[in-house]
Amino acid sequence: MRDSFHPRLLCRRTAVVALLAAALAGCANRPPRQAAFAGEDFESTETHTREYPVSPAQACEAARRALLSQGYMVSTATAELVVGRKNFQPAAENHVELEFRLTCAREGPGDEKSIAFASALQDRYGIKKVNNNASLGVGALGSLSLPVLASDDAMVKLASQTVTDAKFYDGFFALLERFLSIEDAAAKAKAKVK
C-alpha cells in the first residue's frame, strides 16, 4: 500500500488542511483596523477658527488675557502666537495637562481683519509603581542583583489627544471676544480724551 493512501496519514493531512483553512477563515473575518484619525474629514472650519475685525496682534493680546484670566501659564505671547498651559488633577493618581495654542493671522488686505486658529492638546499621566533593585558586588565573585521590597511611584504619560469639543472652543472664543470689546472700549475712551 502506498503511504499517501494510508488511513492514518490521510487523517493527519486532512486535519492539517482543516486547521489551516479555519485559521485563514478567521483572519478573513477580522474587521479592518481603523486609523485613529479616520474621522478627520477636513470639512469643518468652525470649531477651531474665528474671524475678528482687529489686527492679528490685537487678537493675540486678547487671547493672552483670556488664557491668563483662566489660570493658564502663558509661555509664549507674540503678535502671531499665544501658548498657555494649565494642569489638572482629577484624581489622586491621575494628572492632566492642557496646552492651548492660538495662532493669529492677517485675513485679507490691510491689517484691519484677522483670523484666529485655536488648538488644545490634552496629555494624561498616571502613577506607575517601579520596583527598586539593588546590586551587590563582591570582588572576584562578580555582582548580584537582589530585589528590594521597596518601590517608587513614577508619573508616566498614558495618552495625548487634541481636544475636539466644540463647546470648549466656543467658550474660549466668547471670552476672547469679551477681552476684545474691553480693549476696544478702552481705546475709544482714550481717543475721546485727546
C-alpha atoms as a PDB file:
ATOM      1  CA  MET A   1       0.000   0.000   0.000  1.00  0.00           C
ATOM      2  CA  ARG A   2       1.294   3.440  -0.835  1.00  0.00           C
ATOM      3  CA  ASP A   3       1.974   5.958   2.013  1.00  0.00           C
ATOM      4  CA  SER A   4      -0.304   8.632   0.578  1.00  0.00           C
ATOM      5  CA  PHE A   5      -3.351   6.399   0.961  1.00  0.00           C
ATOM      6  CA  HIS A   6      -2.576   5.115   4.427  1.00  0.00           C
ATOM      7  CA  PRO A   7      -5.632   5.923   6.635  1.00  0.00           C
ATOM      8  CA  ARG A   8      -3.623   7.494   9.488  1.00  0.00           C
ATOM      9  CA  LEU A   9      -1.569   9.677   7.156  1.00  0.00           C
ATOM     10  CA  LEU A  10      -4.683  10.720   5.256  1.00  0.00           C
ATOM     11  CA  CYS A  11      -6.424  11.618   8.522  1.00  0.00           C
ATOM     12  CA  ARG A  12      -3.450  13.766   9.626  1.00  0.00           C
ATOM     13  CA  ARG A  13      -3.280  15.565   6.289  1.00  0.00           C
ATOM     14  CA  THR A  14      -6.998  16.262   6.417  1.00  0.00           C
ATOM     15  CA  ALA A  15      -6.698  17.627   9.960  1.00  0.00           C
ATOM     16  CA  VAL A  16      -3.792  19.915   8.981  1.00  0.00           C
ATOM     17  CA  VAL A  17      -5.663  21.220   5.931  1.00  0.00           C
ATOM     18  CA  ALA A  18      -8.792  21.802   8.045  1.00  0.00           C
ATOM     19  CA  LEU A  19      -6.795  23.737  10.669  1.00  0.00           C
ATOM     20  CA  LEU A  20      -5.136  25.904   8.021  1.00  0.00           C
ATOM     21  CA  ALA A  21      -8.499  26.620   6.399  1.00  0.00           C
ATOM     22  CA  ALA A  22     -10.016  27.562   9.764  1.00  0.00           C
ATOM     23  CA  ALA A  23      -7.097  29.868  10.562  1.00  0.00           C
ATOM     24  CA  LEU A  24      -7.350  31.601   7.201  1.00  0.00           C
ATOM     25  CA  ALA A  25     -11.110  31.955   7.564  1.00  0.00           C
ATOM     26  CA  GLY A  26     -10.612  33.564  10.985  1.00  0.00           C
ATOM     27  CA  CYS A  27      -8.200  36.108   9.519  1.00  0.00           C
ATOM     28  CA  ALA A  28     -10.562  36.884   6.660  1.00  0.00           C
ATOM     29  CA  ASN A  29     -13.462  37.665   9.023  1.00  0.00           C
ATOM     30  CA  ARG A  30     -11.476  40.108  11.164  1.00  0.00           C
ATOM     31  CA  PRO A  31     -12.718  43.688  10.662  1.00  0.00           C
ATOM     32  CA  PRO A  32     -10.085  46.046   9.269  1.00  0.00           C
ATOM     33  CA  ARG A  33      -8.420  48.352  11.785  1.00  0.00           C
ATOM     34  CA  GLN A  34      -9.425  51.972  11.580  1.00  0.00           C
ATOM     35  CA  ALA A  35      -6.777  54.622  11.942  1.00  0.00           C
ATOM     36  CA  ALA A  36      -7.119  56.917  14.941  1.00  0.00           C
ATOM     37  CA  PHE A  37      -7.623  59.811  12.538  1.00  0.00           C
ATOM     38  CA  ALA A  38     -10.309  58.052  10.439  1.00  0.00           C
ATOM     39  CA  GLY A  39     -12.907  60.684  11.387  1.00  0.00           C
ATOM     40  CA  GLU A  40     -10.661  63.537  10.195  1.00  0.00           C
ATOM     41  CA  ASP A  41     -12.500  64.876   7.158  1.00  0.00           C
ATOM     42  CA  PHE A  42     -11.251  68.499   6.949  1.00  0.00           C
ATOM     43  CA  GLU A  43     -14.774  69.748   6.214  1.00  0.00           C
ATOM     44  CA  SER A  44     -15.480  71.982   9.209  1.00  0.00           C
ATOM     45  CA  THR A  45     -13.568  75.166   9.934  1.00  0.00           C
ATOM     46  CA  GLU A  46     -15.967  76.470  12.570  1.00  0.00           C
ATOM     47  CA  THR A  47     -14.681  74.658  15.669  1.00  0.00           C
ATOM     48  CA  HIS A  48     -11.097  75.894  15.681  1.00  0.00           C
ATOM     49  CA  THR A  49     -11.289  79.264  13.870  1.00  0.00           C
ATOM     50  CA  ARG A  50     -12.891  82.675  14.231  1.00  0.00           C
ATOM     51  CA  GLU A  51     -12.539  85.953  12.326  1.00  0.00           C
ATOM     52  CA  TYR A  52     -12.200  89.315  14.053  1.00  0.00           C
ATOM     53  CA  PRO A  53     -12.270  92.930  12.784  1.00  0.00           C
ATOM     54  CA  VAL A  54      -8.942  93.701  14.506  1.00  0.00           C
ATOM     55  CA  SER A  55      -5.252  93.217  13.761  1.00  0.00           C
ATOM     56  CA  PRO A  56      -3.625  89.840  14.487  1.00  0.00           C
ATOM     57  CA  ALA A  57      -1.633  91.466  17.305  1.00  0.00           C
ATOM     58  CA  GLN A  58      -4.849  92.699  18.971  1.00  0.00           C
ATOM     59  CA  ALA A  59      -6.484  89.258  18.623  1.00  0.00           C
ATOM     60  CA  CYS A  60      -3.462  87.511  20.138  1.00  0.00           C
ATOM     61  CA  GLU A  61      -3.286  90.020  23.010  1.00  0.00           C
ATOM     62  CA  ALA A  62      -6.961  89.382  23.806  1.00  0.00           C
ATOM     63  CA  ALA A  63      -6.241  85.623  23.693  1.00  0.00           C
ATOM     64  CA  ARG A  64      -3.311  86.051  26.087  1.00  0.00           C
ATOM     65  CA  ARG A  65      -5.537  87.913  28.529  1.00  0.00           C
ATOM     66  CA  ALA A  66      -8.302  85.319  28.161  1.00  0.00           C
ATOM     67  CA  LEU A  67      -5.912  82.471  28.990  1.00  0.00           C
ATOM     68  CA  LEU A  68      -4.374  84.356  31.919  1.00  0.00           C
ATOM     69  CA  SER A  69      -7.849  85.064  33.310  1.00  0.00           C
ATOM     70  CA  GLN A  70      -8.490  81.308  33.460  1.00  0.00           C
ATOM     71  CA  GLY A  71      -5.273  80.393  35.271  1.00  0.00           C
ATOM     72  CA  TYR A  72      -3.179  79.321  32.291  1.00  0.00           C
ATOM     73  CA  MET A  73       0.580  79.844  32.485  1.00  0.00           C
ATOM     74  CA  VAL A  74       1.444  81.643  29.256  1.00  0.00           C
ATOM     75  CA  SER A  75       4.821  80.518  27.922  1.00  0.00           C
ATOM     76  CA  THR A  76       4.738  82.268  24.528  1.00  0.00           C
ATOM     77  CA  ALA A  77       2.978  85.503  23.611  1.00  0.00           C
ATOM     78  CA  THR A  78       3.772  87.235  20.316  1.00  0.00           C
ATOM     79  CA  ALA A  79       1.725  89.187  17.778  1.00  0.00           C
ATOM     80  CA  GLU A  80       1.055  85.899  15.953  1.00  0.00           C
ATOM     81  CA  LEU A  81       1.139  83.114  18.584  1.00  0.00           C
ATOM     82  CA  VAL A  82      -0.017  82.524  22.147  1.00  0.00           C
ATOM     83  CA  VAL A  83       0.741  79.293  24.031  1.00  0.00           C
ATOM     84  CA  GLY A  84      -0.524  78.553  27.523  1.00  0.00           C
ATOM     85  CA  ARG A  85      -0.604  75.517  29.827  1.00  0.00           C
ATOM     86  CA  LYS A  86      -2.849  74.510  32.673  1.00  0.00           C
ATOM     87  CA  ASN A  87      -2.610  71.481  34.972  1.00  0.00           C
ATOM     88  CA  PHE A  88      -5.481  69.497  36.459  1.00  0.00           C
ATOM     89  CA  GLN A  89      -5.578  66.623  38.945  1.00  0.00           C
ATOM     90  CA  PRO A  90      -8.978  64.917  38.563  1.00  0.00           C
ATOM     91  CA  ALA A  91      -7.971  62.046  40.902  1.00  0.00           C
ATOM     92  CA  ALA A  92      -5.106  61.288  43.282  1.00  0.00           C
ATOM     93  CA  GLU A  93      -3.357  59.029  40.762  1.00  0.00           C
ATOM     94  CA  ASN A  94      -4.171  60.996  37.592  1.00  0.00           C
ATOM     95  CA  HIS A  95      -2.737  64.214  36.213  1.00  0.00           C
ATOM     96  CA  VAL A  96      -3.919  66.082  33.115  1.00  0.00           C
ATOM     97  CA  GLU A  97      -2.001  68.823  31.339  1.00  0.00           C
ATOM     98  CA  LEU A  98      -3.749  71.031  28.799  1.00  0.00           C
ATOM     99  CA  GLU A  99      -1.710  73.044  26.299  1.00  0.00           C
ATOM    100  CA  PHE A 100      -3.637  75.734  24.415  1.00  0.00           C
ATOM    101  CA  ARG A 101      -2.255  77.329  21.223  1.00  0.00           C
ATOM    102  CA  LEU A 102      -3.727  80.244  19.322  1.00  0.00           C
ATOM    103  CA  THR A 103      -2.261  81.441  16.042  1.00  0.00           C
ATOM    104  CA  CYS A 104      -3.356  84.852  14.735  1.00  0.00           C
ATOM    105  CA  ALA A 105      -3.054  85.618  11.022  1.00  0.00           C
ATOM    106  CA  ARG A 106      -3.960  88.539   8.796  1.00  0.00           C
ATOM    107  CA  GLU A 107      -7.163  87.957   6.831  1.00  0.00           C
ATOM    108  CA  GLY A 108      -7.364  89.885   3.586  1.00  0.00           C
ATOM    109  CA  PRO A 109      -5.570  93.099   2.620  1.00  0.00           C
ATOM    110  CA  GLY A 110      -4.522  95.568   5.267  1.00  0.00           C
ATOM    111  CA  ASP A 111      -4.226  94.982   8.971  1.00  0.00           C
ATOM    112  CA  GLU A 112      -7.847  95.505   9.986  1.00  0.00           C
ATOM    113  CA  LYS A 113      -9.068  91.908   9.925  1.00  0.00           C
ATOM    114  CA  SER A 114      -7.603  88.731  11.408  1.00  0.00           C
ATOM    115  CA  ILE A 115      -8.369  85.051  11.730  1.00  0.00           C
ATOM    116  CA  ALA A 116      -7.573  83.096  14.888  1.00  0.00           C
ATOM    117  CA  PHE A 117      -6.788  79.360  14.857  1.00  0.00           C
ATOM    118  CA  ALA A 118      -7.105  77.572  18.202  1.00  0.00           C
ATOM    119  CA  SER A 119      -5.965  74.112  19.187  1.00  0.00           C
ATOM    120  CA  ALA A 120      -5.704  72.427  22.574  1.00  0.00           C
ATOM    121  CA  LEU A 121      -3.697  69.306  23.370  1.00  0.00           C
ATOM    122  CA  GLN A 122      -4.540  67.197  26.409  1.00  0.00           C
ATOM    123  CA  ASP A 123      -1.849  64.956  27.931  1.00  0.00           C
ATOM    124  CA  ARG A 124      -2.920  62.407  30.562  1.00  0.00           C
ATOM    125  CA  TYR A 125      -0.490  60.958  33.102  1.00  0.00           C
ATOM    126  CA  GLY A 126      -0.859  58.188  35.657  1.00  0.00           C
ATOM    127  CA  ILE A 127       1.181  56.743  38.514  1.00  0.00           C
ATOM    128  CA  LYS A 128       3.203  53.621  37.813  1.00  0.00           C
ATOM    129  CA  LYS A 129       4.901  51.587  40.535  1.00  0.00           C
ATOM    130  CA  VAL A 130       8.598  50.977  39.860  1.00  0.00           C
ATOM    131  CA  ASN A 131      10.371  48.249  41.856  1.00  0.00           C
ATOM    132  CA  ASN A 132      13.849  49.003  43.118  1.00  0.00           C
ATOM    133  CA  ASN A 133      16.705  46.560  42.554  1.00  0.00           C
ATOM    134  CA  ALA A 134      19.958  46.539  44.452  1.00  0.00           C
ATOM    135  CA  SER A 135      23.280  45.283  43.099  1.00  0.00           C
ATOM    136  CA  LEU A 136      25.869  43.765  45.382  1.00  0.00           C
ATOM    137  CA  GLY A 137      29.403  43.454  44.043  1.00  0.00           C
ATOM    138  CA  VAL A 138      31.935  41.165  45.665  1.00  0.00           C
ATOM    139  CA  GLY A 139      35.442  41.425  44.174  1.00  0.00           C
ATOM    140  CA  ALA A 140      36.284  38.237  42.275  1.00  0.00           C
ATOM    141  CA  LEU A 141      32.789  36.761  42.541  1.00  0.00           C
ATOM    142  CA  GLY A 142      31.080  39.434  40.430  1.00  0.00           C
ATOM    143  CA  SER A 143      27.860  41.262  41.155  1.00  0.00           C
ATOM    144  CA  LEU A 144      24.495  40.005  42.286  1.00  0.00           C
ATOM    145  CA  SER A 145      21.164  41.804  41.774  1.00  0.00           C
ATOM    146  CA  LEU A 146      18.648  41.379  44.541  1.00  0.00           C
ATOM    147  CA  PRO A 147      15.060  42.606  44.518  1.00  0.00           C
ATOM    148  CA  VAL A 148      14.411  45.103  47.262  1.00  0.00           C
ATOM    149  CA  LEU A 149      10.927  45.234  48.732  1.00  0.00           C
ATOM    150  CA  ALA A 150      10.673  48.991  48.152  1.00  0.00           C
ATOM    151  CA  SER A 151       9.091  50.701  45.161  1.00  0.00           C
ATOM    152  CA  ASP A 152       8.831  54.243  43.884  1.00  0.00           C
ATOM    153  CA  ASP A 153       5.951  55.961  42.150  1.00  0.00           C
ATOM    154  CA  ALA A 154       6.619  57.491  38.746  1.00  0.00           C
ATOM    155  CA  MET A 155       4.319  59.557  36.543  1.00  0.00           C
ATOM    156  CA  VAL A 156       4.059  58.140  33.032  1.00  0.00           C
ATOM    157  CA  LYS A 157       2.237  59.577  30.035  1.00  0.00           C
ATOM    158  CA  LEU A 158      -0.854  57.496  29.291  1.00  0.00           C
ATOM    159  CA  ALA A 159      -2.350  59.393  26.355  1.00  0.00           C
ATOM    160  CA  SER A 160      -2.126  62.555  24.293  1.00  0.00           C
ATOM    161  CA  GLN A 161      -5.072  63.866  22.320  1.00  0.00           C
ATOM    162  CA  THR A 162      -6.240  67.036  20.583  1.00  0.00           C
ATOM    163  CA  VAL A 163      -9.349  68.485  22.216  1.00  0.00           C
ATOM    164  CA  THR A 164     -12.176  68.450  19.644  1.00  0.00           C
ATOM    165  CA  ASP A 165     -15.109  69.564  21.812  1.00  0.00           C
ATOM    166  CA  ALA A 166     -16.792  72.489  20.029  1.00  0.00           C
ATOM    167  CA  LYS A 167     -18.264  73.792  23.326  1.00  0.00           C
ATOM    168  CA  PHE A 168     -14.738  74.109  24.778  1.00  0.00           C
ATOM    169  CA  TYR A 169     -13.600  76.306  21.864  1.00  0.00           C
ATOM    170  CA  ASP A 170     -16.873  78.277  21.811  1.00  0.00           C
ATOM    171  CA  GLY A 171     -16.271  79.201  25.457  1.00  0.00           C
ATOM    172  CA  PHE A 172     -12.711  80.306  24.749  1.00  0.00           C
ATOM    173  CA  PHE A 173     -13.657  82.410  21.718  1.00  0.00           C
ATOM    174  CA  ALA A 174     -16.532  84.044  23.651  1.00  0.00           C
ATOM    175  CA  LEU A 175     -14.057  85.039  26.374  1.00  0.00           C
ATOM    176  CA  LEU A 176     -11.582  86.309  23.753  1.00  0.00           C
ATOM    177  CA  GLU A 177     -14.351  88.492  22.280  1.00  0.00           C
ATOM    178  CA  ARG A 178     -15.074  89.929  25.740  1.00  0.00           C
ATOM    179  CA  PHE A 179     -11.437  90.973  26.046  1.00  0.00           C
ATOM    180  CA  LEU A 180     -11.534  92.446  22.534  1.00  0.00           C
ATOM    181  CA  SER A 181     -14.570  94.562  23.460  1.00  0.00           C
ATOM    182  CA  ILE A 182     -12.892  95.702  26.698  1.00  0.00           C
ATOM    183  CA  GLU A 183      -9.798  96.675  24.694  1.00  0.00           C
ATOM    184  CA  ASP A 184     -11.962  98.439  22.096  1.00  0.00           C
ATOM    185  CA  ALA A 185     -13.851 100.387  24.785  1.00  0.00           C
ATOM    186  CA  ALA A 186     -10.556 101.455  26.387  1.00  0.00           C
ATOM    187  CA  ALA A 187      -9.213 102.631  23.009  1.00  0.00           C
ATOM    188  CA  LYS A 188     -12.399 104.656  22.339  1.00  0.00           C
ATOM    189  CA  ALA A 189     -12.246 106.262  25.784  1.00  0.00           C
ATOM    190  CA  LYS A 190      -8.610 107.158  25.222  1.00  0.00           C
ATOM    191  CA  ALA A 191      -9.458 108.705  21.825  1.00  0.00           C
ATOM    192  CA  LYS A 192     -12.183 110.891  23.426  1.00  0.00           C
ATOM    193  CA  VAL A 193      -9.712 112.269  25.964  1.00  0.00           C
ATOM    194  CA  LYS A 194      -7.398 113.514  23.213  1.00  0.00           C
END
